[in-house]
Amino acid sequence: MQVATTTVPPKTALGGTPGATRVFLATGQGYISALTGAALAARNNAPLLAVPGTAKSLPAATIALLRDLGTTRVTLLGTTGSISAGIARQLTAAGFTVARVQGTDRYLQSAAIAKQFPTTTKAAVVASGTTFTEALPAITLAAVRKVPVVLTPPICADANLRGYVAARAITRLTLVGTPTSVRGLVGTLTPCQSTTASQSPWVVVNKKNALRPTSYVPASLRYVAGSSYLMRSDAATALEKLVAAAKRAGAGTIRINSAYRSYATQKRLYASYVATRGQTWADQQSARAGHSEHQTGLAADVVACSARGCGSIYAFQGTTQQKWVAANAWRYGFVVRYEPGYTTITGYTSEPWHLRYVGSAVASDYRTGGFHSLEQYFGYPGAPRY
């Protein structure tokens, strides 16, 4: 699979030859069918006309234009909610052969249009189904290459895209847009996972998004080797590999200071901070029960150790171990969750010791895309307060 991120000038050419036996119609009241249909029209060297699709019929001038073009076939792009059944009946009564290409949402619509391309077409242009300004340039690129435009959710490859690629044996995908509009996971056809389910490695937990239920307990907890701390099995295995790799690289010894915490433990910890430091400090340094990543079993706080012993989490910054972790945690499926300068998004001050397991695919793409918070990466608003 070849993947590229491409930005092309926002120029479109939707017309065909002066005489056209086939014409495509799309609603002028939404961009989805027009955007993806333009590539199909270009592939057939046919015009694409934007029409008032919700009207019961087309203006007489439009019918006259079709006759002037010598049109015999009209393909409607979209459901009857986009181009009405009345328009279809009008065109049929006027003697045109009418077909409809439709999908029940923007992603299925784009795939339905893509399936109108010859089966010998082994490439596609992929654009975000949520960011029109960055998806628009896809028209030109697809038209030049005579390939379809397939719309995707911005984070990952949904079943629609993966199914299309598999069914047509697509060998080349070109992603149009920046990493903030289309993540690299789309190009690698990484399936989507939930960002709200507590058991998902992609779950976003912050001051606005609590675990469900708030008393959640992970199912696969085990002790991380060489420690008395629990993590989910997948996260524990990854952290063991990270610790061993740091040692091999000469970065020193890394130990765990904290990992899984139950709802009850987090509640006691937060209450103790409030009692000793005040609520303002507590809310910047510790999560309330039900809002902590530690409760997922996917997070660990690490410290640097030497022959003299292990330091505290607050002594981790600037150590050889911290620098190695910042540069290499992604290789083992972790991100440094709370970076300096992003408190207004994450809700917490910098914690270079707090590692969050998200899996190797997300961690790698997170680094490549230059992201600094899971809120940004997964498209969530900032959560600076409860």
Protein backbone atom coordinates (compact mmCIF):
# COMPACT_ATOMS: atom_id res chain seq x y z
CA MET A 1 0.00 0.00 0.00
CA GLN A 2 1.52 3.35 -1.04
CA VAL A 3 0.45 6.30 1.06
CA ALA A 4 1.08 9.98 0.40
CA THR A 5 -0.23 13.17 1.92
CA THR A 6 -0.92 15.58 -0.89
CA THR A 7 -2.10 19.15 -1.07
CA VAL A 8 -3.16 20.47 -4.47
CA PRO A 9 -4.60 23.84 -5.50
CA PRO A 10 -8.37 24.14 -4.93
CA LYS A 11 -9.28 24.19 -8.62
CA THR A 12 -12.02 22.06 -10.15
CA ALA A 13 -13.14 21.26 -13.66
CA LEU A 14 -16.58 19.72 -13.66
CA GLY A 15 -17.60 19.94 -17.29
CA GLY A 16 -17.40 17.37 -20.06
CA THR A 17 -17.46 17.70 -23.83
CA PRO A 18 -19.92 20.10 -25.54
CA GLY A 19 -22.01 17.10 -26.57
CA ALA A 20 -22.64 14.61 -23.80
CA THR A 21 -24.91 11.60 -23.99
CA ARG A 22 -24.44 11.01 -20.26
CA VAL A 23 -24.85 13.65 -17.54
CA PHE A 24 -24.46 13.42 -13.77
CA LEU A 25 -26.70 15.42 -11.44
CA ALA A 26 -25.81 16.31 -7.85
CA THR A 27 -27.49 18.59 -5.37
CA GLY A 28 -26.20 22.12 -5.19
CA GLN A 29 -27.16 22.24 -1.51
CA GLY A 30 -24.40 19.98 -0.14
CA TYR A 31 -20.87 19.19 -1.17
CA ILE A 32 -20.60 15.43 -0.68
CA SER A 33 -22.08 14.11 -3.92
CA ALA A 34 -20.69 16.99 -5.96
CA LEU A 35 -17.20 16.47 -4.55
CA THR A 36 -17.01 12.73 -5.07
CA GLY A 37 -19.18 12.75 -8.18
CA ALA A 38 -16.90 15.21 -9.98
CA ALA A 39 -14.19 12.56 -10.24
CA LEU A 40 -16.67 10.08 -11.72
CA ALA A 41 -17.90 12.65 -14.21
CA ALA A 42 -14.31 13.40 -15.23
CA ARG A 43 -13.61 9.69 -15.66
CA ASN A 44 -16.57 9.47 -18.06
CA ASN A 45 -15.76 12.79 -19.76
CA ALA A 46 -19.25 13.89 -18.81
CA PRO A 47 -20.72 17.06 -17.27
CA LEU A 48 -21.75 17.28 -13.64
CA LEU A 49 -24.68 19.62 -13.07
CA ALA A 50 -25.58 21.03 -9.68
CA VAL A 51 -29.36 21.20 -9.32
CA PRO A 52 -31.91 22.17 -6.64
CA GLY A 53 -32.26 18.57 -5.56
CA THR A 54 -35.02 18.99 -2.99
CA ALA A 55 -37.33 20.60 -5.54
CA LYS A 56 -40.13 18.48 -6.96
CA SER A 57 -38.93 19.10 -10.50
CA LEU A 58 -36.14 20.71 -12.49
CA PRO A 59 -36.51 24.08 -14.22
CA ALA A 60 -37.48 23.89 -17.87
CA ALA A 61 -34.12 25.47 -18.74
CA THR A 62 -32.28 22.48 -17.25
CA ILE A 63 -34.32 20.02 -19.30
CA ALA A 64 -33.63 22.12 -22.39
CA LEU A 65 -29.89 22.08 -21.61
CA LEU A 66 -29.90 18.30 -21.40
CA ARG A 67 -31.60 18.08 -24.77
CA ASP A 68 -29.13 20.55 -26.28
CA LEU A 69 -26.26 18.37 -25.04
CA GLY A 70 -27.78 15.33 -26.71
CA THR A 71 -28.15 13.60 -23.35
CA THR A 72 -29.78 10.19 -23.22
CA ARG A 73 -28.63 8.97 -19.77
CA VAL A 74 -28.88 10.86 -16.49
CA THR A 75 -27.25 9.55 -13.32
CA LEU A 76 -28.54 10.99 -10.06
CA LEU A 77 -25.96 11.14 -7.26
CA GLY A 78 -27.56 10.78 -3.86
CA THR A 79 -30.70 9.55 -2.14
CA THR A 80 -34.16 10.99 -2.70
CA GLY A 81 -33.32 13.33 0.16
CA SER A 82 -30.63 14.86 -2.06
CA ILE A 83 -32.30 14.61 -5.45
CA SER A 84 -36.03 14.09 -5.16
CA ALA A 85 -38.10 11.25 -6.56
CA GLY A 86 -40.08 13.93 -8.39
CA ILE A 87 -37.00 14.92 -10.39
CA ALA A 88 -36.37 11.27 -11.26
CA ARG A 89 -39.95 10.88 -12.49
CA GLN A 90 -39.73 14.11 -14.48
CA LEU A 91 -36.55 12.99 -16.26
CA THR A 92 -37.98 9.55 -17.00
CA ALA A 93 -41.15 11.10 -18.41
CA ALA A 94 -39.00 13.35 -20.59
CA GLY A 95 -37.45 10.29 -22.21
CA PHE A 96 -34.11 10.07 -20.40
CA THR A 97 -32.72 6.81 -19.01
CA VAL A 98 -32.36 7.50 -15.30
CA ALA A 99 -30.13 5.73 -12.78
CA ARG A 100 -29.40 6.58 -9.18
CA VAL A 101 -26.15 6.05 -7.22
CA GLN A 102 -26.76 6.41 -3.51
CA GLY A 103 -25.51 5.75 0.00
CA THR A 104 -27.24 6.45 3.27
CA ASP A 105 -24.44 8.65 4.65
CA ARG A 106 -21.54 10.64 3.24
CA TYR A 107 -19.09 7.75 3.54
CA LEU A 108 -21.38 5.18 1.95
CA GLN A 109 -22.29 7.72 -0.73
CA SER A 110 -18.65 8.24 -1.67
CA ALA A 111 -18.07 4.47 -1.76
CA ALA A 112 -21.16 3.93 -3.93
CA ILE A 113 -19.82 6.48 -6.40
CA ALA A 114 -16.34 4.93 -6.27
CA LYS A 115 -17.82 1.55 -7.19
CA GLN A 116 -18.98 3.05 -10.50
CA PHE A 117 -15.35 3.20 -11.63
CA PRO A 118 -13.99 0.27 -13.68
CA THR A 119 -12.75 -2.67 -11.60
CA THR A 120 -9.36 -2.16 -13.25
CA THR A 121 -8.95 1.08 -11.26
CA LYS A 122 -6.49 0.18 -8.49
CA ALA A 123 -5.95 3.57 -6.88
CA ALA A 124 -8.06 6.08 -4.98
CA VAL A 125 -7.82 9.52 -3.44
CA VAL A 126 -8.93 9.65 0.20
CA ALA A 127 -10.19 12.83 1.86
CA SER A 128 -11.81 13.79 5.13
CA GLY A 129 -15.58 13.59 5.25
CA THR A 130 -15.67 16.33 7.88
CA THR A 131 -13.29 19.00 6.55
CA PHE A 132 -14.59 20.40 3.27
CA THR A 133 -11.82 22.95 2.70
CA GLU A 134 -9.14 20.25 2.72
CA ALA A 135 -11.26 17.69 0.89
CA LEU A 136 -12.01 20.05 -2.01
CA PRO A 137 -8.55 19.76 -3.65
CA ALA A 138 -9.14 16.02 -3.96
CA ILE A 139 -11.39 16.71 -6.96
CA THR A 140 -8.55 17.98 -9.15
CA LEU A 141 -6.14 15.24 -8.17
CA ALA A 142 -8.70 12.48 -8.67
CA ALA A 143 -9.90 13.92 -11.98
CA VAL A 144 -6.36 14.09 -13.35
CA ARG A 145 -5.62 10.54 -12.28
CA LYS A 146 -9.08 9.28 -13.29
CA VAL A 147 -9.58 7.63 -9.91
CA PRO A 148 -12.36 7.93 -7.31
CA VAL A 149 -12.53 10.11 -4.21
CA VAL A 150 -13.43 8.11 -1.10
CA LEU A 151 -14.38 10.01 2.04
CA THR A 152 -13.24 8.83 5.44
CA PRO A 153 -13.58 9.75 9.11
CA PRO A 154 -10.44 11.73 9.99
CA ILE A 155 -8.96 9.38 12.59
CA CYS A 156 -8.99 5.85 11.20
CA ALA A 157 -10.17 3.59 8.39
CA ASP A 158 -13.82 2.69 8.86
CA ALA A 159 -15.36 -0.54 7.58
CA ASN A 160 -16.60 1.30 4.49
CA LEU A 161 -13.10 2.30 3.30
CA ARG A 162 -11.51 -0.99 4.26
CA GLY A 163 -14.26 -2.92 2.50
CA TYR A 164 -13.88 -0.89 -0.68
CA VAL A 165 -10.10 -1.32 -0.74
CA ALA A 166 -10.39 -5.08 -0.17
CA ALA A 167 -13.17 -5.62 -2.70
CA ARG A 168 -11.39 -3.70 -5.45
CA ALA A 169 -7.85 -4.81 -4.52
CA ILE A 170 -6.75 -1.18 -4.33
CA THR A 171 -2.95 -0.90 -4.24
CA ARG A 172 -2.46 2.85 -3.88
CA LEU A 173 -4.17 5.36 -1.60
CA THR A 174 -3.35 9.05 -1.68
CA LEU A 175 -4.40 11.01 1.41
CA VAL A 176 -5.35 14.61 0.73
CA GLY A 177 -4.85 17.02 3.60
CA THR A 178 -2.68 17.58 6.63
CA PRO A 179 -2.27 15.07 9.48
CA THR A 180 -4.82 17.08 11.46
CA SER A 181 -7.50 16.45 8.83
CA VAL A 182 -6.62 12.87 7.85
CA ARG A 183 -4.51 10.77 10.20
CA GLY A 184 -1.91 8.34 8.95
CA LEU A 185 -4.02 5.50 10.39
CA VAL A 186 -6.37 5.99 7.45
CA GLY A 187 -3.59 5.24 4.99
CA THR A 188 -2.53 2.12 6.86
CA LEU A 189 -6.17 1.00 6.98
CA THR A 190 -6.11 0.76 10.77
CA PRO A 191 -9.62 -0.13 12.00
CA CYS A 192 -11.39 2.36 14.24
CA GLN A 193 -11.69 1.70 17.97
CA SER A 194 -13.88 3.39 20.53
CA THR A 195 -12.64 6.52 22.28
CA THR A 196 -15.43 6.31 24.87
CA ALA A 197 -15.47 2.62 25.88
CA SER A 198 -13.44 2.23 29.07
CA GLN A 199 -11.82 -1.01 27.86
CA SER A 200 -10.56 0.52 24.60
CA PRO A 201 -6.86 1.42 24.34
CA TRP A 202 -8.04 4.59 22.57
CA VAL A 203 -10.32 5.76 25.38
CA VAL A 204 -10.07 9.49 26.09
CA VAL A 205 -10.29 10.11 29.83
CA ASN A 206 -10.13 13.67 31.13
CA LYS A 207 -12.03 16.22 33.19
CA LYS A 208 -14.91 16.26 30.70
CA ASN A 209 -14.96 12.55 29.87
CA ALA A 210 -15.40 10.13 32.76
CA LEU A 211 -14.99 6.39 32.61
CA ARG A 212 -18.18 4.40 32.05
CA PRO A 213 -19.02 3.21 34.63
CA THR A 214 -17.01 5.44 36.93
CA SER A 215 -16.27 2.35 39.05
CA TYR A 216 -14.74 0.55 36.02
CA VAL A 217 -12.17 -2.19 36.71
CA PRO A 218 -10.05 -3.53 33.79
CA ALA A 219 -10.45 -7.23 33.07
CA SER A 220 -6.84 -8.24 32.39
CA LEU A 221 -4.79 -6.69 35.18
CA ARG A 222 -1.42 -8.25 36.04
CA TYR A 223 1.73 -7.21 37.83
CA VAL A 224 4.39 -5.54 35.73
CA ALA A 225 7.56 -7.63 35.96
CA GLY A 226 9.89 -6.48 38.70
CA SER A 227 7.25 -4.32 40.38
CA SER A 228 4.31 -4.46 42.74
CA TYR A 229 2.11 -2.46 40.36
CA LEU A 230 -0.76 -3.67 38.22
CA MET A 231 -1.49 -2.74 34.61
CA ARG A 232 -3.57 -4.18 31.84
CA SER A 233 -1.75 -7.13 30.32
CA ASP A 234 -1.13 -5.43 26.96
CA ALA A 235 0.16 -2.26 28.59
CA ALA A 236 2.27 -4.21 31.10
CA THR A 237 3.99 -6.18 28.34
CA ALA A 238 4.71 -2.98 26.41
CA LEU A 239 6.12 -1.23 29.49
CA GLU A 240 8.37 -4.18 30.28
CA LYS A 241 9.80 -3.93 26.76
CA LEU A 242 10.29 -0.17 27.15
CA VAL A 243 12.16 -0.56 30.45
CA ALA A 244 14.40 -3.29 29.02
CA ALA A 245 15.13 -1.26 25.88
CA ALA A 246 16.14 1.79 27.92
CA LYS A 247 18.58 -0.35 29.88
CA ARG A 248 20.07 -1.84 26.70
CA ALA A 249 20.43 1.62 25.19
CA GLY A 250 22.48 2.79 28.15
CA ALA A 251 19.77 5.20 29.31
CA GLY A 252 19.72 3.75 32.82
CA THR A 253 17.14 2.10 35.00
CA ILE A 254 13.46 3.02 34.91
CA ARG A 255 11.06 1.92 37.63
CA ILE A 256 7.34 2.29 38.14
CA ASN A 257 6.11 4.70 40.81
CA SER A 258 2.39 4.17 40.20
CA ALA A 259 0.17 2.35 37.72
CA TYR A 260 -3.39 1.02 38.09
CA ARG A 261 -5.47 2.72 40.76
CA SER A 262 -8.99 1.68 41.65
CA TYR A 263 -11.84 4.16 41.93
CA ALA A 264 -11.58 3.98 45.73
CA THR A 265 -7.82 4.53 45.73
CA GLN A 266 -8.10 7.51 43.40
CA LYS A 267 -10.86 8.98 45.55
CA ARG A 268 -8.68 8.77 48.67
CA LEU A 269 -5.64 10.18 46.87
CA TYR A 270 -7.53 13.15 45.45
CA ALA A 271 -9.15 13.87 48.83
CA SER A 272 -5.75 13.85 50.52
CA TYR A 273 -4.41 16.38 48.02
CA VAL A 274 -7.41 18.64 48.55
CA ALA A 275 -6.95 18.44 52.31
CA THR A 276 -3.22 19.20 52.24
CA ARG A 277 -2.77 21.42 49.16
CA GLY A 278 -6.21 22.79 48.33
CA GLN A 279 -8.59 21.97 45.49
CA THR A 280 -6.97 24.25 42.90
CA TRP A 281 -3.63 22.48 43.27
CA ALA A 282 -5.31 19.07 43.43
CA ASP A 283 -7.23 19.64 40.20
CA GLN A 284 -4.03 20.55 38.33
CA GLN A 285 -2.06 17.60 39.66
CA SER A 286 -4.52 14.77 40.22
CA ALA A 287 -7.72 13.47 38.66
CA ARG A 288 -10.97 13.03 40.51
CA ALA A 289 -12.15 9.45 40.89
CA GLY A 290 -13.68 8.15 37.67
CA HIS A 291 -11.65 10.62 35.59
CA SER A 292 -8.18 9.12 36.03
CA GLU A 293 -6.18 7.38 33.32
CA HIS A 294 -4.63 5.24 36.05
CA GLN A 295 -8.02 3.59 36.56
CA THR A 296 -7.94 2.30 32.96
CA GLY A 297 -4.85 0.20 33.68
CA LEU A 298 -3.22 1.84 30.67
CA ALA A 299 -1.15 4.49 32.48
CA ALA A 300 2.00 4.40 34.57
CA ASP A 301 4.14 6.97 36.35
CA VAL A 302 7.84 6.19 36.01
CA VAL A 303 10.97 7.35 37.83
CA ALA A 304 14.71 7.33 37.19
CA CYS A 305 16.91 5.10 39.31
CA SER A 306 20.64 4.92 39.94
CA ALA A 307 22.99 3.07 42.27
CA ARG A 308 21.87 5.46 45.00
CA GLY A 309 18.22 4.54 44.56
CA CYS A 310 15.19 5.89 42.70
CA GLY A 311 14.14 9.51 42.53
CA SER A 312 10.62 10.87 42.82
CA ILE A 313 8.37 11.60 39.87
CA TYR A 314 9.19 15.28 40.32
CA ALA A 315 12.90 14.53 39.82
CA PHE A 316 12.30 12.70 36.52
CA GLN A 317 12.49 15.78 34.27
CA GLY A 318 15.95 16.28 32.77
CA THR A 319 17.28 12.83 33.60
CA THR A 320 18.83 10.57 30.99
CA GLN A 321 15.86 8.26 31.43
CA GLN A 322 13.35 11.08 30.85
CA LYS A 323 15.08 12.17 27.65
CA TRP A 324 15.14 8.61 26.38
CA VAL A 325 11.46 8.11 27.24
CA ALA A 326 10.47 11.34 25.47
CA ALA A 327 12.28 10.20 22.32
CA ASN A 328 11.38 6.52 22.33
CA ALA A 329 8.16 5.80 24.26
CA TRP A 330 6.20 5.78 21.00
CA ARG A 331 8.15 2.73 19.81
CA TYR A 332 6.46 0.72 22.56
CA GLY A 333 2.94 2.11 22.16
CA PHE A 334 3.13 4.91 24.74
CA VAL A 335 2.74 8.68 24.60
CA VAL A 336 3.81 11.20 27.21
CA ARG A 337 0.29 12.23 28.10
CA TYR A 338 0.75 15.65 29.72
CA GLU A 339 3.27 17.83 27.91
CA PRO A 340 4.34 21.34 28.96
CA GLY A 341 2.29 24.15 27.43
CA TYR A 342 -0.92 22.15 26.95
CA THR A 343 -2.62 22.57 30.32
CA THR A 344 -5.54 24.44 28.71
CA ILE A 345 -6.22 21.31 26.65
CA THR A 346 -5.36 18.42 28.97
CA GLY A 347 -6.30 20.11 32.24
CA TYR A 348 -3.04 19.15 33.94
CA THR A 349 0.41 20.66 34.36
CA SER A 350 3.36 18.95 32.71
CA GLU A 351 3.95 15.34 33.80
CA PRO A 352 6.92 13.93 31.87
CA TRP A 353 6.69 10.80 34.03
CA HIS A 354 3.09 9.91 33.07
CA LEU A 355 3.01 7.40 30.22
CA ARG A 356 -0.22 6.37 28.55
CA TYR A 357 -0.49 3.21 26.48
CA VAL A 358 -2.44 3.67 23.23
CA GLY A 359 -0.90 0.92 21.09
CA SER A 360 1.93 1.08 18.59
CA ALA A 361 -0.15 2.25 15.62
CA VAL A 362 -1.58 5.31 17.37
CA ALA A 363 1.66 6.14 19.20
CA SER A 364 3.64 6.09 15.96
CA ASP A 365 1.08 8.18 14.08
CA TYR A 366 0.79 10.60 17.03
CA ARG A 367 4.53 11.24 16.84
CA THR A 368 4.65 11.50 13.05
CA GLY A 369 1.77 13.97 13.02
CA GLY A 370 3.36 16.18 15.67
CA PHE A 371 0.51 15.91 18.16
CA HIS A 372 0.84 16.89 21.82
CA SER A 373 -2.37 15.64 23.43
CA LEU A 374 -4.84 12.84 22.92
CA GLU A 375 -7.57 15.48 22.83
CA GLN A 376 -6.01 16.95 19.69
CA TYR A 377 -5.26 13.60 18.13
CA PHE A 378 -8.74 12.13 18.59
CA GLY A 379 -10.54 15.39 17.79
CA TYR A 380 -11.81 16.19 21.28
CA PRO A 381 -12.23 19.70 22.68
CA GLY A 382 -9.92 20.78 25.46
CA ALA A 383 -10.87 19.79 28.99
CA PRO A 384 -9.17 22.30 31.31
CA ARG A 385 -11.81 21.93 34.02
CA TYR A 386 -14.63 19.67 35.21
